[in-house]
Amino acid sequence: QPQVPATLDLGPCPPDAVEFHFEPPRVGLQNTNNTCYMNTFIQSLFMTNHFVSRIMNFKLHLKKNPSKVDKEDHEFGIKVVELLQRQMTRMCVTRHKHTDIAEILNAFPADYRSGSQQDVTETIRFVFDKLGGFEQPLIREVFAGELKEQLQCQVCGTVKSRPETFSDLVLSVPKADVVERSGIIPTTQALLDQRLMYELMDESEPVFCESCQAKQRAGKWCEIVSPPAHICVCLNRFSFDMQAMDMVKEKTPVQVDGNVQIGPFVYALYFVIVHTGKDASSGHYYAIGHRSEEGAGQGDWVKMDDSQLKPADLSMLQGSVSEKLKDDTPYVLFYRCQQAPKTPGVYIPRRLADELRREQEARVES
């Protein structure tokens, strides 16, 4: 069993900072012109203790020999870090039942303010990229892992490895009619195992083998060599239908396991982004979850539907679909490694906490 420290050591709270302890979900986020996709993502970050704690002292570094685009990305990335520091603080200090993400929306590209529904997984990748991705400590420490794509020549047995860093893992969901015929509802553990399992590639897809100096039939599989502290799993439910010439949504029921195993590591589910709607171009996002590290009173599942917070209905996670929830499908899952060190709390700069406390006290709750 890998040895990890019991608690992340932040040291004593600096005199110019104030310590906050993590609370159960209590703050909703107003929907401003179809921004439910961004609201659910911001809630997922706020429920991830390590992210909230780490972003407060995170500084984005410019890469060596930067191009003009790198410099522009870096400038916007610095803005994103500041915006998220402010948003996490706002949600820590407010005494209102809900607040908003207006400051983030006003600084983001125009698409995010257009009123058109965005895909939450694209938003996750966009923000993670602007935070420096796996190349910088924030995403690397909180969400990034490393895997190896392995290819083995079927003639000589030579294995070719390609390392790859990931901050989200995409799992393909089978079509609903295939699942119906089989009578077996897929589980997240089964979909994860399938993503990693050995597969003999088709003879029509030969791969060049360095040892044979020829294209040969190959087998492929994947190994997670450095598991992340938190794993963001995207259930790939949207695909392009050639007949309809449009994106379609697979409403395949999936049993979302409370725990999944990756090698010796056990991951516990703490947050789920749900897409409700008949197809890919319409619908609504809401979330169900609790804090990533359960303490007293933090483990009750809460439905976070924009500004509304209420007890969550977990039946859809069992793969059983009621008539009422038939269009509600788990889409993005957040799991935390049980062996990862605990996050003690969060130190927020005092001037920032005071500024946003005053901002929130001046707000009139609608």
Protein backbone atom coordinates (compact mmCIF):
# COMPACT_ATOMS: atom_id res chain seq x y z
CA GLN A 1 0.00 0.00 0.00
CA PRO A 2 1.55 3.39 -0.99
CA GLN A 3 2.45 5.60 1.97
CA VAL A 4 1.02 9.14 1.96
CA PRO A 5 1.04 11.84 4.65
CA ALA A 6 -2.12 11.89 6.80
CA THR A 7 -2.70 15.66 6.38
CA LEU A 8 -1.40 18.30 3.99
CA ASP A 9 0.78 20.66 6.03
CA LEU A 10 -0.11 24.31 5.47
CA GLY A 11 1.91 25.50 8.46
CA PRO A 12 0.52 28.16 10.83
CA CYS A 13 -2.01 30.67 9.47
CA PRO A 14 -0.13 33.83 8.37
CA PRO A 15 -1.07 37.08 10.21
CA ASP A 16 -2.42 38.64 6.98
CA ALA A 17 -4.75 35.68 6.33
CA VAL A 18 -7.88 34.24 7.94
CA GLU A 19 -8.56 30.51 8.29
CA PHE A 20 -11.86 29.03 7.07
CA HIS A 21 -13.09 25.53 7.83
CA PHE A 22 -14.95 23.64 5.15
CA GLU A 23 -18.75 23.53 5.47
CA PRO A 24 -21.43 21.35 3.86
CA PRO A 25 -23.04 22.77 0.67
CA ARG A 26 -25.04 25.87 1.65
CA VAL A 27 -24.57 28.41 -1.20
CA GLY A 28 -26.45 28.30 -4.50
CA LEU A 29 -25.42 30.13 -7.69
CA GLN A 30 -27.86 32.20 -9.71
CA ASN A 31 -28.50 31.19 -13.32
CA THR A 32 -27.66 34.17 -15.53
CA ASN A 33 -28.80 33.45 -19.09
CA ASN A 34 -28.28 29.65 -19.33
CA THR A 35 -25.17 29.47 -17.13
CA CYS A 36 -26.17 26.24 -15.33
CA TYR A 37 -23.18 24.43 -16.94
CA MET A 38 -20.73 26.91 -15.38
CA ASN A 39 -22.60 26.94 -12.04
CA THR A 40 -22.26 23.17 -11.67
CA PHE A 41 -18.55 23.27 -12.52
CA ILE A 42 -17.87 26.10 -10.02
CA GLN A 43 -19.74 24.08 -7.36
CA SER A 44 -17.57 21.03 -8.17
CA LEU A 45 -14.42 23.10 -7.57
CA PHE A 46 -15.84 24.60 -4.37
CA MET A 47 -16.70 21.11 -3.06
CA THR A 48 -13.09 19.96 -3.72
CA ASN A 49 -11.32 20.97 -0.48
CA HIS A 50 -7.79 20.59 -1.87
CA PHE A 51 -8.58 22.86 -4.86
CA VAL A 52 -10.02 25.63 -2.65
CA SER A 53 -7.06 25.43 -0.26
CA ARG A 54 -4.40 25.25 -3.00
CA ILE A 55 -5.67 28.02 -5.29
CA MET A 56 -5.37 30.64 -2.53
CA ASN A 57 -1.55 30.59 -2.69
CA PHE A 58 -1.16 29.47 -6.31
CA LYS A 59 0.82 31.60 -8.75
CA LEU A 60 0.80 30.83 -12.46
CA HIS A 61 4.28 30.80 -14.04
CA LEU A 62 5.07 31.77 -17.62
CA LYS A 63 6.72 28.95 -19.56
CA LYS A 64 10.30 29.30 -20.86
CA ASN A 65 10.82 30.94 -24.28
CA PRO A 66 7.13 31.88 -24.56
CA SER A 67 5.46 32.70 -27.86
CA LYS A 68 3.01 35.61 -28.23
CA VAL A 69 0.10 33.19 -27.74
CA ASP A 70 1.78 31.76 -24.60
CA LYS A 71 2.03 35.29 -23.16
CA GLU A 72 -1.63 36.04 -23.96
CA ASP A 73 -2.65 32.69 -22.41
CA HIS A 74 -0.56 33.46 -19.34
CA GLU A 75 -2.19 36.89 -18.88
CA PHE A 76 -5.68 35.39 -19.13
CA GLY A 77 -4.61 32.50 -16.86
CA ILE A 78 -3.53 34.96 -14.14
CA LYS A 79 -7.00 36.54 -14.43
CA VAL A 80 -8.70 33.12 -14.13
CA VAL A 81 -6.68 32.32 -10.98
CA GLU A 82 -7.72 35.65 -9.43
CA LEU A 83 -11.37 35.18 -10.46
CA LEU A 84 -11.47 31.70 -8.89
CA GLN A 85 -9.72 32.90 -5.73
CA ARG A 86 -12.41 35.58 -5.45
CA GLN A 87 -15.28 33.17 -6.26
CA MET A 88 -14.14 30.54 -3.74
CA THR A 89 -13.76 33.30 -1.11
CA ARG A 90 -17.17 34.77 -1.99
CA MET A 91 -18.79 31.36 -1.42
CA CYS A 92 -16.89 30.93 1.88
CA VAL A 93 -17.88 34.30 3.36
CA THR A 94 -21.41 34.96 2.08
CA ARG A 95 -24.28 34.51 4.54
CA HIS A 96 -26.82 34.62 1.71
CA LYS A 97 -28.49 31.44 0.43
CA HIS A 98 -27.06 32.10 -3.01
CA THR A 99 -24.61 34.36 -4.84
CA ASP A 100 -23.60 34.60 -8.53
CA ILE A 101 -20.71 34.12 -10.97
CA ALA A 102 -21.19 37.46 -12.80
CA GLU A 103 -17.54 38.49 -12.28
CA ILE A 104 -16.30 35.27 -13.98
CA LEU A 105 -18.77 35.54 -16.87
CA ASN A 106 -17.83 39.17 -17.57
CA ALA A 107 -14.13 38.27 -17.87
CA PHE A 108 -14.55 35.07 -19.92
CA PRO A 109 -14.88 34.90 -23.74
CA ALA A 110 -18.19 36.15 -25.19
CA ASP A 111 -19.47 32.56 -25.79
CA TYR A 112 -19.90 32.19 -22.04
CA ARG A 113 -22.28 35.20 -21.95
CA SER A 114 -24.13 34.45 -25.19
CA GLY A 115 -27.05 32.65 -23.56
CA SER A 116 -26.42 29.48 -25.57
CA GLN A 117 -25.99 26.23 -23.64
CA GLN A 118 -22.34 25.09 -23.43
CA ASP A 119 -21.02 21.57 -22.86
CA VAL A 120 -19.77 21.42 -19.27
CA THR A 121 -16.88 19.07 -20.18
CA GLU A 122 -15.51 21.63 -22.67
CA THR A 123 -15.72 24.29 -19.95
CA ILE A 124 -13.83 22.04 -17.50
CA ARG A 125 -11.03 21.47 -20.03
CA PHE A 126 -10.89 25.17 -20.96
CA VAL A 127 -10.51 26.27 -17.31
CA PHE A 128 -8.02 23.51 -16.41
CA ASP A 129 -5.94 24.52 -19.43
CA LYS A 130 -5.97 28.21 -18.44
CA LEU A 131 -4.85 27.19 -14.92
CA GLY A 132 -1.72 25.71 -16.50
CA GLY A 133 -2.96 22.12 -16.81
CA PHE A 134 -0.64 19.36 -15.58
CA GLU A 135 2.43 21.52 -16.30
CA GLN A 136 1.72 23.71 -13.26
CA PRO A 137 1.24 22.66 -9.61
CA LEU A 138 -2.48 23.44 -9.06
CA ILE A 139 -4.07 21.02 -11.54
CA ARG A 140 -1.13 18.61 -11.26
CA GLU A 141 -1.59 18.23 -7.49
CA VAL A 142 -5.39 18.20 -7.43
CA PHE A 143 -6.68 16.54 -10.64
CA ALA A 144 -3.85 15.25 -12.84
CA GLY A 145 -2.66 11.67 -13.22
CA GLU A 146 -0.45 9.82 -15.67
CA LEU A 147 -1.25 6.83 -17.84
CA LYS A 148 0.60 4.76 -20.41
CA GLU A 149 -0.98 3.69 -23.68
CA GLN A 150 0.62 0.31 -24.50
CA LEU A 151 0.86 -1.32 -27.93
CA GLN A 152 2.20 -4.86 -28.38
CA CYS A 153 3.22 -6.35 -31.71
CA GLN A 154 1.46 -9.70 -32.22
CA VAL A 155 4.40 -11.07 -34.23
CA CYS A 156 7.49 -10.29 -32.11
CA GLY A 157 5.90 -9.25 -28.79
CA THR A 158 7.63 -5.86 -28.62
CA VAL A 159 5.75 -3.37 -26.41
CA LYS A 160 5.68 0.32 -27.30
CA SER A 161 4.68 2.71 -24.48
CA ARG A 162 3.32 6.22 -24.85
CA PRO A 163 3.00 8.19 -21.59
CA GLU A 164 0.12 10.63 -21.33
CA THR A 165 -0.93 13.02 -18.58
CA PHE A 166 -4.65 13.49 -17.99
CA SER A 167 -6.84 15.77 -15.87
CA ASP A 168 -10.09 14.09 -16.90
CA LEU A 169 -10.80 10.54 -18.00
CA VAL A 170 -13.39 9.92 -20.73
CA LEU A 171 -15.34 6.65 -20.49
CA SER A 172 -17.50 5.54 -23.41
CA VAL A 173 -21.10 4.73 -22.53
CA PRO A 174 -22.61 1.90 -24.61
CA LYS A 175 -25.75 2.58 -26.64
CA ALA A 176 -29.04 2.19 -24.79
CA ASP A 177 -30.37 -0.55 -27.11
CA VAL A 178 -27.19 -2.64 -26.60
CA VAL A 179 -27.61 -2.44 -22.81
CA GLU A 180 -31.32 -3.24 -23.09
CA ARG A 181 -30.59 -6.38 -25.13
CA SER A 182 -27.87 -7.55 -22.72
CA GLY A 183 -29.99 -6.88 -19.63
CA ILE A 184 -26.82 -5.77 -17.77
CA ILE A 185 -26.59 -2.15 -16.61
CA PRO A 186 -22.96 -0.95 -16.89
CA THR A 187 -21.22 0.32 -13.75
CA THR A 188 -18.57 3.03 -13.58
CA GLN A 189 -16.06 0.43 -12.36
CA ALA A 190 -16.84 -1.79 -15.38
CA LEU A 191 -16.53 1.19 -17.80
CA LEU A 192 -13.22 2.16 -16.18
CA ASP A 193 -11.90 -1.41 -16.38
CA GLN A 194 -13.00 -1.52 -20.03
CA ARG A 195 -11.07 1.70 -20.75
CA LEU A 196 -7.90 0.07 -19.40
CA MET A 197 -8.36 -3.54 -20.58
CA TYR A 198 -6.44 -5.38 -23.29
CA GLU A 199 -7.94 -5.24 -26.77
CA LEU A 200 -6.71 -7.07 -29.87
CA MET A 201 -6.87 -4.53 -32.68
CA ASP A 202 -8.46 -5.41 -36.00
CA GLU A 203 -6.25 -6.79 -38.77
CA SER A 204 -7.33 -3.82 -40.91
CA GLU A 205 -5.59 -1.45 -38.42
CA PRO A 206 -1.93 -2.61 -38.47
CA VAL A 207 0.62 -0.57 -36.51
CA PHE A 208 4.27 -0.04 -37.52
CA CYS A 209 6.60 -2.17 -35.36
CA GLU A 210 10.16 -0.84 -34.94
CA SER A 211 11.54 -4.34 -34.28
CA CYS A 212 9.91 -6.00 -37.31
CA GLN A 213 10.29 -2.86 -39.46
CA ALA A 214 6.83 -3.58 -40.81
CA LYS A 215 3.17 -2.89 -40.09
CA GLN A 216 1.81 -5.66 -37.86
CA ARG A 217 -1.36 -6.51 -36.01
CA ALA A 218 -1.19 -5.22 -32.43
CA GLY A 219 -2.86 -5.51 -29.06
CA LYS A 220 -3.44 -2.39 -26.99
CA TRP A 221 -4.19 -1.61 -23.35
CA CYS A 222 -3.79 1.23 -20.92
CA GLU A 223 -2.20 1.49 -17.45
CA ILE A 224 -2.67 4.31 -14.96
CA VAL A 225 0.87 4.65 -13.59
CA SER A 226 0.34 7.73 -11.40
CA PRO A 227 -3.24 8.00 -10.13
CA PRO A 228 -4.59 11.50 -9.40
CA ALA A 229 -5.66 12.73 -5.95
CA HIS A 230 -9.09 13.47 -7.48
CA ILE A 231 -10.36 11.92 -10.67
CA CYS A 232 -12.76 13.74 -13.00
CA VAL A 233 -14.64 11.13 -15.05
CA CYS A 234 -16.63 12.19 -18.13
CA LEU A 235 -19.25 9.69 -19.27
CA ASN A 236 -19.25 10.18 -23.04
CA ARG A 237 -22.98 10.32 -23.82
CA PHE A 238 -22.99 12.60 -26.86
CA SER A 239 -22.15 11.41 -30.36
CA PHE A 240 -22.73 12.55 -33.93
CA ASP A 241 -25.58 10.70 -35.65
CA MET A 242 -24.88 10.46 -39.40
CA GLN A 243 -28.57 9.85 -40.21
CA ALA A 244 -29.86 12.76 -38.15
CA MET A 245 -26.73 14.84 -38.99
CA ASP A 246 -26.77 16.10 -35.43
CA MET A 247 -25.37 15.39 -31.97
CA VAL A 248 -27.50 12.87 -30.11
CA LYS A 249 -27.58 11.93 -26.44
CA GLU A 250 -27.34 8.34 -25.20
CA LYS A 251 -29.65 8.00 -22.19
CA THR A 252 -28.13 4.64 -21.27
CA PRO A 253 -28.59 4.01 -17.54
CA VAL A 254 -25.27 3.69 -15.70
CA GLN A 255 -24.86 2.50 -12.13
CA VAL A 256 -22.55 5.09 -10.57
CA ASP A 257 -20.43 3.24 -8.03
CA GLY A 258 -19.85 4.95 -4.69
CA ASN A 259 -16.29 3.59 -4.75
CA VAL A 260 -14.04 2.62 -7.66
CA GLN A 261 -10.68 0.85 -7.51
CA ILE A 262 -7.58 1.75 -9.53
CA GLY A 263 -4.79 -0.69 -8.62
CA PRO A 264 -4.26 -0.39 -4.84
CA PHE A 265 -6.14 2.93 -4.67
CA VAL A 266 -9.81 3.35 -3.66
CA TYR A 267 -11.70 6.41 -4.89
CA ALA A 268 -14.91 7.70 -3.25
CA LEU A 269 -17.60 9.55 -5.21
CA TYR A 270 -18.39 13.04 -3.91
CA PHE A 271 -19.89 15.04 -6.80
CA VAL A 272 -21.97 14.35 -9.92
CA ILE A 273 -22.93 16.78 -12.70
CA VAL A 274 -26.24 15.68 -14.22
CA HIS A 275 -27.52 16.61 -17.68
CA THR A 276 -31.28 16.67 -18.02
CA GLY A 277 -32.80 16.99 -21.47
CA LYS A 278 -33.82 14.99 -24.52
CA ASP A 279 -30.81 15.79 -26.71
CA ALA A 280 -27.33 17.28 -26.84
CA SER A 281 -28.37 20.78 -27.94
CA SER A 282 -30.94 21.43 -25.22
CA GLY A 283 -31.53 20.81 -21.57
CA HIS A 284 -30.17 21.85 -18.23
CA TYR A 285 -27.36 20.94 -15.84
CA TYR A 286 -27.63 20.47 -12.09
CA ALA A 287 -25.37 18.72 -9.59
CA ILE A 288 -25.65 16.40 -6.62
CA GLY A 289 -22.84 16.06 -4.14
CA HIS A 290 -21.17 16.91 -0.86
CA ARG A 291 -17.69 17.97 0.26
CA SER A 292 -14.82 15.91 -1.10
CA GLU A 293 -13.56 15.06 2.38
CA GLU A 294 -16.43 14.10 4.60
CA GLY A 295 -16.40 15.54 8.08
CA ALA A 296 -19.24 15.81 10.56
CA GLY A 297 -22.38 16.77 8.63
CA GLN A 298 -20.55 17.02 5.31
CA GLY A 299 -21.64 13.68 3.90
CA ASP A 300 -25.34 14.39 3.21
CA TRP A 301 -25.96 14.51 -0.53
CA VAL A 302 -27.36 17.84 -1.70
CA LYS A 303 -28.95 18.75 -5.04
CA MET A 304 -27.40 22.00 -6.32
CA ASP A 305 -29.73 23.35 -8.98
CA ASP A 306 -28.51 26.88 -9.67
CA SER A 307 -29.69 29.01 -6.71
CA GLN A 308 -31.74 26.17 -5.18
CA LEU A 309 -30.24 23.66 -2.73
CA LYS A 310 -32.29 20.72 -1.47
CA PRO A 311 -31.80 17.06 -0.41
CA ALA A 312 -30.71 14.95 -3.39
CA ASP A 313 -32.55 12.02 -5.00
CA LEU A 314 -29.84 9.41 -5.51
CA SER A 315 -32.00 6.87 -7.38
CA MET A 316 -30.52 7.79 -10.78
CA LEU A 317 -27.06 6.76 -9.52
CA GLN A 318 -28.37 3.20 -9.06
CA GLY A 319 -29.07 2.90 -12.78
CA SER A 320 -32.82 2.61 -12.15
CA VAL A 321 -34.69 5.12 -14.27
CA SER A 322 -38.05 6.41 -13.07
CA GLU A 323 -40.43 8.12 -15.52
CA LYS A 324 -39.78 11.41 -13.71
CA LEU A 325 -35.98 11.18 -14.13
CA LYS A 326 -35.79 9.41 -17.52
CA ASP A 327 -34.02 12.37 -19.17
CA ASP A 328 -31.66 12.98 -16.20
CA THR A 329 -28.31 11.33 -16.81
CA PRO A 330 -25.08 11.44 -14.76
CA TYR A 331 -22.50 13.08 -17.04
CA VAL A 332 -19.40 14.14 -15.04
CA LEU A 333 -18.30 12.32 -11.87
CA PHE A 334 -15.75 13.46 -9.30
CA TYR A 335 -14.01 10.86 -7.10
CA ARG A 336 -11.39 11.43 -4.39
CA CYS A 337 -8.57 9.01 -3.59
CA GLN A 338 -9.15 7.71 -0.06
CA GLN A 339 -5.39 7.37 0.48
CA ALA A 340 -4.73 11.04 -0.40
CA PRO A 341 -3.75 13.31 2.52
CA LYS A 342 -6.49 15.30 4.25
CA THR A 343 -6.86 19.02 3.61
CA PRO A 344 -6.80 20.87 6.96
CA GLY A 345 -8.60 24.09 5.98
CA VAL A 346 -8.10 27.15 3.81
CA TYR A 347 -6.10 30.32 4.49
CA ILE A 348 -7.68 33.28 2.68
CA PRO A 349 -5.88 36.64 2.46
CA ARG A 350 -7.57 38.88 5.05
CA ARG A 351 -7.99 41.83 2.64
CA LEU A 352 -9.78 39.54 0.12
CA ALA A 353 -12.05 37.98 2.76
CA ASP A 354 -12.93 41.46 4.13
CA GLU A 355 -13.57 42.92 0.66
CA LEU A 356 -15.90 40.12 -0.40
CA ARG A 357 -17.65 39.99 2.97
CA ARG A 358 -18.50 43.70 2.51
CA GLU A 359 -19.62 43.02 -1.09
CA GLN A 360 -21.94 40.23 0.07
CA GLU A 361 -23.32 42.21 3.03
CA ALA A 362 -24.28 45.00 0.58
CA ARG A 363 -26.20 42.57 -1.66
CA VAL A 364 -29.96 42.39 -1.46
CA GLU A 365 -31.06 38.77 -1.86
CA SER A 366 -33.73 38.42 -4.53
